Protein backbone atom coordinates (compact mmCIF):
# COMPACT_ATOMS: atom_id res chain seq x y z
CA UNK A 1 182.69 69.15 58.34
CA UNK A 2 179.23 69.70 56.98
CA UNK A 3 178.88 70.83 52.87
CA UNK A 4 178.05 74.52 52.24
CA UNK A 5 174.16 72.13 51.44
CA UNK A 6 173.99 70.19 54.32
CA UNK A 7 172.85 70.19 57.62
CA UNK A 8 172.57 68.22 60.66
CA UNK A 9 169.18 67.57 63.08
CA UNK A 10 169.35 66.41 66.93
CA UNK A 11 166.28 64.73 67.91
CA UNK A 12 165.50 64.04 71.69
CA UNK A 13 163.12 62.98 73.42
CA UNK A 14 162.40 61.84 77.14
CA UNK A 15 159.41 59.93 78.78
CA UNK A 16 158.76 59.77 81.78
CA UNK A 17 156.16 57.16 83.88
CA UNK A 18 155.61 58.70 87.43
CA UNK A 19 154.34 57.04 90.23
CA UNK A 20 151.85 59.85 92.23
CA UNK A 21 152.09 59.30 96.28
CA UNK A 22 148.66 57.63 95.59
CA UNK A 23 150.07 54.63 93.15
CA UNK A 24 148.66 55.40 89.91
CA UNK A 25 150.99 55.68 87.13
CA UNK A 26 150.82 58.22 84.53
CA UNK A 27 153.05 59.39 81.19
CA UNK A 28 154.66 62.61 80.86
CA UNK A 29 156.89 62.58 77.22
CA UNK A 30 158.58 66.14 76.70
CA UNK A 31 160.31 66.10 72.55
CA UNK A 32 162.38 68.25 70.78
CA UNK A 33 163.87 68.26 67.30
CA UNK A 34 166.03 71.40 65.66
CA UNK A 35 168.04 71.76 62.94
CA UNK A 36 171.60 73.16 62.24
CA UNK A 37 172.04 76.85 61.07
CA UNK A 38 172.15 77.94 57.24
CA UNK A 39 175.06 79.23 58.82
CA UNK A 40 177.13 76.02 59.30
CA UNK A 41 176.19 76.26 63.09
CA UNK A 42 175.77 72.61 64.04
CA UNK A 43 172.07 72.02 65.97
CA UNK A 44 175.04 69.39 68.21
CA UNK A 45 176.92 72.68 68.71
CA UNK A 46 173.78 75.16 69.56
CA UNK A 47 172.18 71.64 71.79
CA UNK A 48 175.86 70.95 73.78
CA UNK A 49 176.88 74.89 73.65
CA UNK A 50 173.98 76.62 74.69
CA UNK A 51 173.45 74.64 77.59
CA UNK A 52 176.87 74.77 78.95
CA UNK A 53 176.70 78.46 78.85
CA UNK A 54 173.39 78.82 80.32
CA UNK A 55 174.39 76.66 83.14
CA UNK A 56 177.29 78.81 83.33
CA UNK A 57 174.97 82.34 82.91
CA UNK A 58 173.00 81.16 86.07
CA UNK A 59 175.57 80.24 88.52
CA UNK A 60 177.05 83.35 87.89
CA UNK A 61 173.74 85.47 87.85
CA UNK A 62 174.34 83.81 91.72
CA UNK A 63 170.88 82.38 91.31
CA UNK A 64 171.97 79.37 93.42
CA UNK A 65 174.29 80.50 96.39
CA UNK A 66 171.62 78.82 98.77
CA UNK A 67 172.49 75.67 97.18
CA UNK A 68 175.71 74.94 98.79
CA UNK A 69 178.13 71.65 96.86
CA UNK A 70 177.53 70.12 93.61
CA UNK A 71 174.25 70.76 91.96
CA UNK A 72 171.98 69.52 89.29
CA UNK A 73 170.69 69.94 86.67
CA UNK A 74 167.18 67.97 88.28
CA UNK A 75 166.67 71.19 91.36
CA UNK A 76 163.81 73.17 89.54
CA UNK A 77 165.47 76.69 90.70
CA UNK A 78 168.56 75.58 88.18
CA UNK A 79 166.57 73.54 84.90
CA UNK A 80 163.48 76.29 84.50
CA UNK A 81 165.41 78.95 84.13
CA UNK A 82 167.56 77.20 82.05
CA UNK A 83 164.45 76.10 79.93
CA UNK A 84 163.63 79.96 79.71
CA UNK A 85 166.99 80.51 78.80
CA UNK A 86 166.91 77.63 75.98
CA UNK A 87 163.77 78.53 74.69
CA UNK A 88 164.88 81.47 74.01
CA UNK A 89 167.76 80.07 71.88
CA UNK A 90 165.60 78.14 70.34
CA UNK A 91 165.26 74.93 71.74
CA UNK A 92 161.80 73.92 73.34
CA UNK A 93 161.28 70.44 74.53
CA UNK A 94 156.98 69.70 73.47
CA UNK A 95 155.17 67.99 76.19
CA UNK A 96 152.48 65.63 76.54
CA UNK A 97 150.85 63.64 78.13
CA UNK A 98 147.93 63.43 81.78
CA UNK A 99 146.88 66.02 82.36
CA UNK A 100 147.48 66.23 86.35
CA UNK A 101 151.72 65.21 85.01
CA UNK A 102 151.75 68.47 82.91
CA UNK A 103 149.98 70.12 85.97
CA UNK A 104 152.19 69.04 88.25
CA UNK A 105 155.81 70.16 85.62
CA UNK A 106 153.94 73.65 85.62
CA UNK A 107 153.95 74.10 88.75
CA UNK A 108 157.01 74.69 89.01
CA UNK A 109 157.07 77.27 86.33
CA UNK A 110 155.47 80.00 88.91
């Protein structure tokens, strides 16, 4: 249990190495830093709890009925609305890397 003057911190970074169809390679980095709230809600609780809640919400909204079986969060139909919902709650990843990778990433947003 944290003392009233303490807050936790979650640091997350994903480094992606991409090999394109033409065999060229590039890198993409996605990072997030989140502090716990002054009201005592930990950053760990927010990252775990909100992620689970968003996954349940997307499923209950029926957005994935056309995909049978066990679902993984690696499908754009799942993670793009999920990232939007998490961003609305303050869980935001900052992406950096080559322009080609950034363009490919943002193509899924449309």
